Amino acid sequence: MLTNDPILTANLMALCEKIIQAGAASKKPQIASPVKAARLIFETNILGPIVFCTPEIGRWSTVGGLGVMVDELTLELAKMEQ
């Protein structure tokens, strides 16, 4: 079901990330099992490479600015990964 609904998948991944963050902030032992489950879901469902396609290519062929926007977006996303 998750593979057919990207919004549901994104919501689940965001919820798992929040549970992991809450578990890191709390030292209560009763939280350990949900945090382990969330961490397992989060770590085994890492997104693969993302490809951006546009009819314009930044720096080479731009008409309306789409190519420049996608070019700058990809550069900034790459910086966030580091």
PDB file of N, CA and C in Angstrom:
ATOM      1  N   MET A   1       0.816  -1.184   0.000  1.00  0.00           N
ATOM      2  CA  MET A   1       0.000   0.000   0.000  1.00  0.00           C
ATOM      3  C   MET A   1       0.866   1.257   0.000  1.00  0.00           C
ATOM      4  N   LEU A   2       1.978   1.267   0.737  1.00  0.00           N
ATOM      5  CA  LEU A   2       2.825   2.452   0.773  1.00  0.00           C
ATOM      6  C   LEU A   2       3.455   2.756  -0.573  1.00  0.00           C
ATOM      7  N   THR A   3       3.773   1.729  -1.333  1.00  0.00           N
ATOM      8  CA  THR A   3       4.407   1.970  -2.631  1.00  0.00           C
ATOM      9  C   THR A   3       3.451   2.630  -3.608  1.00  0.00           C
ATOM     10  N   ASN A   4       2.157   2.514  -3.379  1.00  0.00           N
ATOM     11  CA  ASN A   4       1.170   3.116  -4.274  1.00  0.00           C
ATOM     12  C   ASN A   4       0.758   4.515  -3.846  1.00  0.00           C
ATOM     13  N   ASP A   5       1.137   4.953  -2.659  1.00  0.00           N
ATOM     14  CA  ASP A   5       0.713   6.250  -2.141  1.00  0.00           C
ATOM     15  C   ASP A   5       1.921   7.027  -1.625  1.00  0.00           C
ATOM     16  N   PRO A   6       2.519   7.871  -2.471  1.00  0.00           N
ATOM     17  CA  PRO A   6       3.723   8.595  -2.048  1.00  0.00           C
ATOM     18  C   PRO A   6       3.471   9.565  -0.894  1.00  0.00           C
ATOM     19  N   ILE A   7       2.272  10.107  -0.785  1.00  0.00           N
ATOM     20  CA  ILE A   7       1.974  11.035   0.308  1.00  0.00           C
ATOM     21  C   ILE A   7       1.941  10.285   1.634  1.00  0.00           C
ATOM     22  N   LEU A   8       1.315   9.121   1.644  1.00  0.00           N
ATOM     23  CA  LEU A   8       1.269   8.302   2.845  1.00  0.00           C
ATOM     24  C   LEU A   8       2.680   7.861   3.246  1.00  0.00           C
ATOM     25  N   THR A   9       3.482   7.506   2.271  1.00  0.00           N
ATOM     26  CA  THR A   9       4.859   7.104   2.537  1.00  0.00           C
ATOM     27  C   THR A   9       5.651   8.260   3.143  1.00  0.00           C
ATOM     28  N   ALA A  10       5.510   9.455   2.573  1.00  0.00           N
ATOM     29  CA  ALA A  10       6.219  10.626   3.091  1.00  0.00           C
ATOM     30  C   ALA A  10       5.774  10.945   4.517  1.00  0.00           C
ATOM     31  N   ASN A  11       4.475  10.821   4.779  1.00  0.00           N
ATOM     32  CA  ASN A  11       3.972  11.070   6.130  1.00  0.00           C
ATOM     33  C   ASN A  11       4.532  10.058   7.127  1.00  0.00           C
ATOM     34  N   LEU A  12       4.603   8.796   6.732  1.00  0.00           N
ATOM     35  CA  LEU A  12       5.167   7.768   7.612  1.00  0.00           C
ATOM     36  C   LEU A  12       6.630   8.048   7.909  1.00  0.00           C
ATOM     37  N   MET A  13       7.388   8.420   6.886  1.00  0.00           N
ATOM     38  CA  MET A  13       8.807   8.697   7.096  1.00  0.00           C
ATOM     39  C   MET A  13       9.000   9.917   8.005  1.00  0.00           C
ATOM     40  N   ALA A  14       8.172  10.947   7.833  1.00  0.00           N
ATOM     41  CA  ALA A  14       8.263  12.126   8.698  1.00  0.00           C
ATOM     42  C   ALA A  14       7.918  11.766  10.138  1.00  0.00           C
ATOM     43  N   LEU A  15       6.892  10.932  10.325  1.00  0.00           N
ATOM     44  CA  LEU A  15       6.508  10.500  11.670  1.00  0.00           C
ATOM     45  C   LEU A  15       7.624   9.691  12.323  1.00  0.00           C
ATOM     46  N   CYS A  16       8.238   8.805  11.573  1.00  0.00           N
ATOM     47  CA  CYS A  16       9.351   8.011  12.110  1.00  0.00           C
ATOM     48  C   CYS A  16      10.507   8.912  12.522  1.00  0.00           C
ATOM     49  N   GLU A  17      10.795   9.922  11.715  1.00  0.00           N
ATOM     50  CA  GLU A  17      11.876  10.852  12.054  1.00  0.00           C
ATOM     51  C   GLU A  17      11.557  11.603  13.347  1.00  0.00           C
ATOM     52  N   LYS A  18      10.309  12.012  13.516  1.00  0.00           N
ATOM     53  CA  LYS A  18       9.910  12.710  14.748  1.00  0.00           C
ATOM     54  C   LYS A  18      10.022  11.789  15.960  1.00  0.00           C
ATOM     55  N   ILE A  19       9.637  10.529  15.817  1.00  0.00           N
ATOM     56  CA  ILE A  19       9.745   9.574  16.925  1.00  0.00           C
ATOM     57  C   ILE A  19      11.210   9.368  17.305  1.00  0.00           C
ATOM     58  N   ILE A  20      12.077   9.272  16.303  1.00  0.00           N
ATOM     59  CA  ILE A  20      13.512   9.097  16.566  1.00  0.00           C
ATOM     60  C   ILE A  20      14.062  10.315  17.304  1.00  0.00           C
ATOM     61  N   GLN A  21      13.673  11.514  16.871  1.00  0.00           N
ATOM     62  CA  GLN A  21      14.132  12.735  17.533  1.00  0.00           C
ATOM     63  C   GLN A  21      13.624  12.801  18.968  1.00  0.00           C
ATOM     64  N   ALA A  22      12.369  12.435  19.182  1.00  0.00           N
ATOM     65  CA  ALA A  22      11.803  12.453  20.534  1.00  0.00           C
ATOM     66  C   ALA A  22      12.510  11.435  21.423  1.00  0.00           C
ATOM     67  N   GLY A  23      12.835  10.290  20.869  1.00  0.00           N
ATOM     68  CA  GLY A  23      13.549   9.268  21.634  1.00  0.00           C
ATOM     69  C   GLY A  23      14.940   9.708  22.015  1.00  0.00           C
ATOM     70  N   ALA A  24      15.591  10.469  21.121  1.00  0.00           N
ATOM     71  CA  ALA A  24      16.931  10.960  21.422  1.00  0.00           C
ATOM     72  C   ALA A  24      16.890  12.010  22.530  1.00  0.00           C
ATOM     73  N   ALA A  25      15.801  12.774  22.590  1.00  0.00           N
ATOM     74  CA  ALA A  25      15.673  13.818  23.604  1.00  0.00           C
ATOM     75  C   ALA A  25      15.241  13.258  24.957  1.00  0.00           C
ATOM     76  N   SER A  26      14.580  12.099  24.949  1.00  0.00           N
ATOM     77  CA  SER A  26      14.058  11.518  26.183  1.00  0.00           C
ATOM     78  C   SER A  26      14.907  10.324  26.610  1.00  0.00           C
ATOM     79  N   LYS A  27      15.034  10.149  27.896  1.00  0.00           N
ATOM     80  CA  LYS A  27      15.796   9.014  28.427  1.00  0.00           C
ATOM     81  C   LYS A  27      14.885   7.994  29.095  1.00  0.00           C
ATOM     82  N   LYS A  28      13.596   8.020  28.770  1.00  0.00           N
ATOM     83  CA  LYS A  28      12.645   7.093  29.379  1.00  0.00           C
ATOM     84  C   LYS A  28      12.744   5.725  28.709  1.00  0.00           C
ATOM     85  N   PRO A  29      12.888   4.651  29.454  1.00  0.00           N
ATOM     86  CA  PRO A  29      13.039   3.315  28.860  1.00  0.00           C
ATOM     87  C   PRO A  29      11.785   2.821  28.145  1.00  0.00           C
ATOM     88  N   GLN A  30      10.589   3.291  28.544  1.00  0.00           N
ATOM     89  CA  GLN A  30       9.366   2.809  27.891  1.00  0.00           C
ATOM     90  C   GLN A  30       9.250   3.315  26.455  1.00  0.00           C
ATOM     91  N   ILE A  31      10.071   4.270  26.072  1.00  0.00           N
ATOM     92  CA  ILE A  31      10.050   4.818  24.720  1.00  0.00           C
ATOM     93  C   ILE A  31      10.946   4.006  23.784  1.00  0.00           C
ATOM     94  N   ALA A  32      11.795   3.160  24.316  1.00  0.00           N
ATOM     95  CA  ALA A  32      12.821   2.474  23.533  1.00  0.00           C
ATOM     96  C   ALA A  32      12.260   1.651  22.376  1.00  0.00           C
ATOM     97  N   SER A  33      11.203   0.885  22.591  1.00  0.00           N
ATOM     98  CA  SER A  33      10.671   0.032  21.519  1.00  0.00           C
ATOM     99  C   SER A  33      10.124   0.823  20.340  1.00  0.00           C
ATOM    100  N   PRO A  34       9.296   1.855  20.562  1.00  0.00           N
ATOM    101  CA  PRO A  34       8.834   2.646  19.412  1.00  0.00           C
ATOM    102  C   PRO A  34       9.979   3.318  18.668  1.00  0.00           C
ATOM    103  N   VAL A  35      10.991   3.757  19.393  1.00  0.00           N
ATOM    104  CA  VAL A  35      12.132   4.409  18.746  1.00  0.00           C
ATOM    105  C   VAL A  35      12.897   3.402  17.891  1.00  0.00           C
ATOM    106  N   LYS A  36      13.090   2.200  18.408  1.00  0.00           N
ATOM    107  CA  LYS A  36      13.771   1.156  17.622  1.00  0.00           C
ATOM    108  C   LYS A  36      12.993   0.832  16.359  1.00  0.00           C
ATOM    109  N   ALA A  37      11.663   0.716  16.474  1.00  0.00           N
ATOM    110  CA  ALA A  37      10.827   0.414  15.304  1.00  0.00           C
ATOM    111  C   ALA A  37      10.893   1.548  14.289  1.00  0.00           C
ATOM    112  N   ALA A  38      10.803   2.784  14.765  1.00  0.00           N
ATOM    113  CA  ALA A  38      10.857   3.942  13.861  1.00  0.00           C
ATOM    114  C   ALA A  38      12.213   4.023  13.173  1.00  0.00           C
ATOM    115  N   ARG A  39      13.282   3.775  13.939  1.00  0.00           N
ATOM    116  CA  ARG A  39      14.629   3.819  13.359  1.00  0.00           C
ATOM    117  C   ARG A  39      14.794   2.740  12.285  1.00  0.00           C
ATOM    118  N   LEU A  40      14.255   1.555  12.535  1.00  0.00           N
ATOM    119  CA  LEU A  40      14.335   0.470  11.556  1.00  0.00           C
ATOM    120  C   LEU A  40      13.597   0.847  10.267  1.00  0.00           C
ATOM    121  N   ILE A  41      12.395   1.374  10.403  1.00  0.00           N
ATOM    122  CA  ILE A  41      11.627   1.804   9.222  1.00  0.00           C
ATOM    123  C   ILE A  41      12.370   2.905   8.489  1.00  0.00           C
ATOM    124  N   PHE A  42      12.857   3.892   9.223  1.00  0.00           N
ATOM    125  CA  PHE A  42      13.523   5.039   8.608  1.00  0.00           C
ATOM    126  C   PHE A  42      14.805   4.638   7.896  1.00  0.00           C
ATOM    127  N   GLU A  43      15.609   3.798   8.527  1.00  0.00           N
ATOM    128  CA  GLU A  43      16.906   3.431   7.952  1.00  0.00           C
ATOM    129  C   GLU A  43      16.791   2.471   6.779  1.00  0.00           C
ATOM    130  N   THR A  44      15.747   1.660   6.730  1.00  0.00           N
ATOM    131  CA  THR A  44      15.622   0.701   5.630  1.00  0.00           C
ATOM    132  C   THR A  44      14.859   1.257   4.444  1.00  0.00           C
ATOM    133  N   ASN A  45      14.366   2.475   4.549  1.00  0.00           N
ATOM    134  CA  ASN A  45      13.604   3.082   3.460  1.00  0.00           C
ATOM    135  C   ASN A  45      14.215   4.396   3.007  1.00  0.00           C
ATOM    136  N   ILE A  46      15.514   4.419   2.898  1.00  0.00           N
ATOM    137  CA  ILE A  46      16.207   5.616   2.441  1.00  0.00           C
ATOM    138  C   ILE A  46      15.894   5.827   0.955  1.00  0.00           C
ATOM    139  N   LEU A  47      15.617   7.085   0.618  1.00  0.00           N
ATOM    140  CA  LEU A  47      15.342   7.405  -0.780  1.00  0.00           C
ATOM    141  C   LEU A  47      16.600   7.239  -1.610  1.00  0.00           C
ATOM    142  N   GLY A  48      16.420   6.824  -2.823  1.00  0.00           N
ATOM    143  CA  GLY A  48      17.544   6.704  -3.740  1.00  0.00           C
ATOM    144  C   GLY A  48      17.827   8.035  -4.421  1.00  0.00           C
ATOM    145  N   PRO A  49      18.584   8.019  -5.486  1.00  0.00           N
ATOM    146  CA  PRO A  49      18.894   9.252  -6.200  1.00  0.00           C
ATOM    147  C   PRO A  49      17.619   9.907  -6.751  1.00  0.00           C
ATOM    148  N   ILE A  50      17.636  11.224  -6.785  1.00  0.00           N
ATOM    149  CA  ILE A  50      16.517  11.989  -7.323  1.00  0.00           C
ATOM    150  C   ILE A  50      16.990  12.647  -8.611  1.00  0.00           C
ATOM    151  N   VAL A  51      16.179  12.580  -9.655  1.00  0.00           N
ATOM    152  CA  VAL A  51      16.518  13.164 -10.943  1.00  0.00           C
ATOM    153  C   VAL A  51      15.546  14.293 -11.242  1.00  0.00           C
ATOM    154  N   PHE A  52      16.077  15.449 -11.623  1.00  0.00           N
ATOM    155  CA  PHE A  52      15.264  16.579 -12.033  1.00  0.00           C
ATOM    156  C   PHE A  52      15.388  16.712 -13.550  1.00  0.00           C
ATOM    157  N   CYS A  53      14.256  16.749 -14.230  1.00  0.00           N
ATOM    158  CA  CYS A  53      14.246  16.885 -15.687  1.00  0.00           C
ATOM    159  C   CYS A  53      13.521  18.164 -16.069  1.00  0.00           C
ATOM    160  N   THR A  54      14.071  18.879 -17.006  1.00  0.00           N
ATOM    161  CA  THR A  54      13.457  20.107 -17.483  1.00  0.00           C
ATOM    162  C   THR A  54      13.825  20.301 -18.956  1.00  0.00           C
ATOM    163  N   PRO A  55      12.940  20.924 -19.743  1.00  0.00           N
ATOM    164  CA  PRO A  55      13.273  21.161 -21.150  1.00  0.00           C
ATOM    165  C   PRO A  55      14.380  22.203 -21.312  1.00  0.00           C
ATOM    166  N   GLU A  56      14.629  22.982 -20.264  1.00  0.00           N
ATOM    167  CA  GLU A  56      15.710  23.955 -20.283  1.00  0.00           C
ATOM    168  C   GLU A  56      16.865  23.415 -19.449  1.00  0.00           C
ATOM    169  N   ILE A  57      18.065  23.762 -19.824  1.00  0.00           N
ATOM    170  CA  ILE A  57      19.232  23.319 -19.082  1.00  0.00           C
ATOM    171  C   ILE A  57      19.950  24.562 -18.569  1.00  0.00           C
ATOM    172  N   GLY A  58      20.011  24.702 -17.245  1.00  0.00           N
ATOM    173  CA  GLY A  58      20.664  25.859 -16.649  1.00  0.00           C
ATOM    174  C   GLY A  58      22.070  26.043 -17.170  1.00  0.00           C
ATOM    175  N   ARG A  59      22.447  27.254 -17.383  1.00  0.00           N
ATOM    176  CA  ARG A  59      23.761  27.680 -17.898  1.00  0.00           C
ATOM    177  C   ARG A  59      23.923  27.475 -19.397  1.00  0.00           C
ATOM    178  N   TRP A  60      23.113  26.631 -20.044  1.00  0.00           N
ATOM    179  CA  TRP A  60      23.288  26.388 -21.471  1.00  0.00           C
ATOM    180  C   TRP A  60      22.100  26.904 -22.292  1.00  0.00           C
ATOM    181  N   SER A  61      20.910  26.581 -21.870  1.00  0.00           N
ATOM    182  CA  SER A  61      19.737  26.944 -22.661  1.00  0.00           C
ATOM    183  C   SER A  61      18.604  27.342 -21.727  1.00  0.00           C
ATOM    184  N   THR A  62      18.354  28.635 -21.615  1.00  0.00           N
ATOM    185  CA  THR A  62      17.268  29.100 -20.754  1.00  0.00           C
ATOM    186  C   THR A  62      16.380  30.062 -21.526  1.00  0.00           C
ATOM    187  N   VAL A  63      15.097  29.941 -21.299  1.00  0.00           N
ATOM    188  CA  VAL A  63      14.131  30.826 -21.938  1.00  0.00           C
ATOM    189  C   VAL A  63      13.326  31.548 -20.864  1.00  0.00           C
ATOM    190  N   GLY A  64      12.675  30.783 -19.984  1.00  0.00           N
ATOM    191  CA  GLY A  64      11.819  31.392 -18.975  1.00  0.00           C
ATOM    192  C   GLY A  64      12.369  31.310 -17.569  1.00  0.00           C
ATOM    193  N   GLY A  65      13.555  30.799 -17.389  1.00  0.00           N
ATOM    194  CA  GLY A  65      14.146  30.725 -16.065  1.00  0.00           C
ATOM    195  C   GLY A  65      14.003  29.378 -15.381  1.00  0.00           C
ATOM    196  N   LEU A  66      13.269  28.455 -15.992  1.00  0.00           N
ATOM    197  CA  LEU A  66      13.075  27.141 -15.381  1.00  0.00           C
ATOM    198  C   LEU A  66      14.402  26.397 -15.232  1.00  0.00           C
ATOM    199  N   GLY A  67      15.218  26.447 -16.257  1.00  0.00           N
ATOM    200  CA  GLY A  67      16.507  25.763 -16.210  1.00  0.00           C
ATOM    201  C   GLY A  67      17.398  26.305 -15.111  1.00  0.00           C
ATOM    202  N   VAL A  68      17.403  27.626 -14.938  1.00  0.00           N
ATOM    203  CA  VAL A  68      18.205  28.248 -13.888  1.00  0.00           C
ATOM    204  C   VAL A  68      17.687  27.821 -12.518  1.00  0.00           C
ATOM    205  N   MET A  69      16.358  27.817 -12.343  1.00  0.00           N
ATOM    206  CA  MET A  69      15.763  27.432 -11.061  1.00  0.00           C
ATOM    207  C   MET A  69      16.109  25.991 -10.711  1.00  0.00           C
ATOM    208  N   VAL A  70      15.978  25.084 -11.661  1.00  0.00           N
ATOM    209  CA  VAL A  70      16.280  23.678 -11.397  1.00  0.00           C
ATOM    210  C   VAL A  70      17.770  23.497 -11.139  1.00  0.00           C
ATOM    211  N   ASP A  71      18.601  24.222 -11.873  1.00  0.00           N
ATOM    212  CA  ASP A  71      20.044  24.149 -11.663  1.00  0.00           C
ATOM    213  C   ASP A  71      20.408  24.594 -10.252  1.00  0.00           C
ATOM    214  N   GLU A  72      19.877  25.723  -9.814  1.00  0.00           N
ATOM    215  CA  GLU A  72      20.176  26.228  -8.472  1.00  0.00           C
ATOM    216  C   GLU A  72      19.580  25.327  -7.389  1.00  0.00           C
ATOM    217  N   LEU A  73      18.389  24.792  -7.627  1.00  0.00           N
ATOM    218  CA  LEU A  73      17.758  23.890  -6.669  1.00  0.00           C
ATOM    219  C   LEU A  73      18.613  22.649  -6.445  1.00  0.00           C
ATOM    220  N   THR A  74      19.097  22.052  -7.521  1.00  0.00           N
ATOM    221  CA  THR A  74      19.900  20.837  -7.376  1.00  0.00           C
ATOM    222  C   THR A  74      21.209  21.115  -6.640  1.00  0.00           C
ATOM    223  N   LEU A  75      21.813  22.266  -6.901  1.00  0.00           N
ATOM    224  CA  LEU A  75      23.050  22.619  -6.200  1.00  0.00           C
ATOM    225  C   LEU A  75      22.803  22.800  -4.698  1.00  0.00           C
ATOM    226  N   GLU A  76      21.710  23.465  -4.342  1.00  0.00           N
ATOM    227  CA  GLU A  76      21.402  23.687  -2.930  1.00  0.00           C
ATOM    228  C   GLU A  76      21.032  22.382  -2.222  1.00  0.00           C
ATOM    229  N   LEU A  77      20.305  21.497  -2.903  1.00  0.00           N
ATOM    230  CA  LEU A  77      19.965  20.203  -2.312  1.00  0.00           C
ATOM    231  C   LEU A  77      21.219  19.366  -2.079  1.00  0.00           C
ATOM    232  N   ALA A  78      22.162  19.451  -3.006  1.00  0.00           N
ATOM    233  CA  ALA A  78      23.422  18.726  -2.851  1.00  0.00           C
ATOM    234  C   ALA A  78      24.199  19.254  -1.640  1.00  0.00           C
ATOM    235  N   LYS A  79      24.158  20.573  -1.416  1.00  0.00           N
ATOM    236  CA  LYS A  79      24.833  21.150  -0.258  1.00  0.00           C
ATOM    237  C   LYS A  79      24.194  20.668   1.051  1.00  0.00           C
ATOM    238  N   MET A  80      22.875  20.494   1.054  1.00  0.00           N
ATOM    239  CA  MET A  80      22.175  20.049   2.246  1.00  0.00           C
ATOM    240  C   MET A  80      22.580  18.622   2.620  1.00  0.00           C
ATOM    241  N   GLU A  81      22.926  17.797   1.660  1.00  0.00           N
ATOM    242  CA  GLU A  81      23.304  16.407   1.904  1.00  0.00           C
ATOM    243  C   GLU A  81      24.656  16.303   2.605  1.00  0.00           C
ATOM    244  N   GLN A  82      25.494  17.307   2.458  1.00  0.00           N
ATOM    245  CA  GLN A  82      26.847  17.239   3.009  1.00  0.00           C
ATOM    246  C   GLN A  82      26.871  17.582   4.455  1.00  0.00           C
TER     247      GLN A  82
END
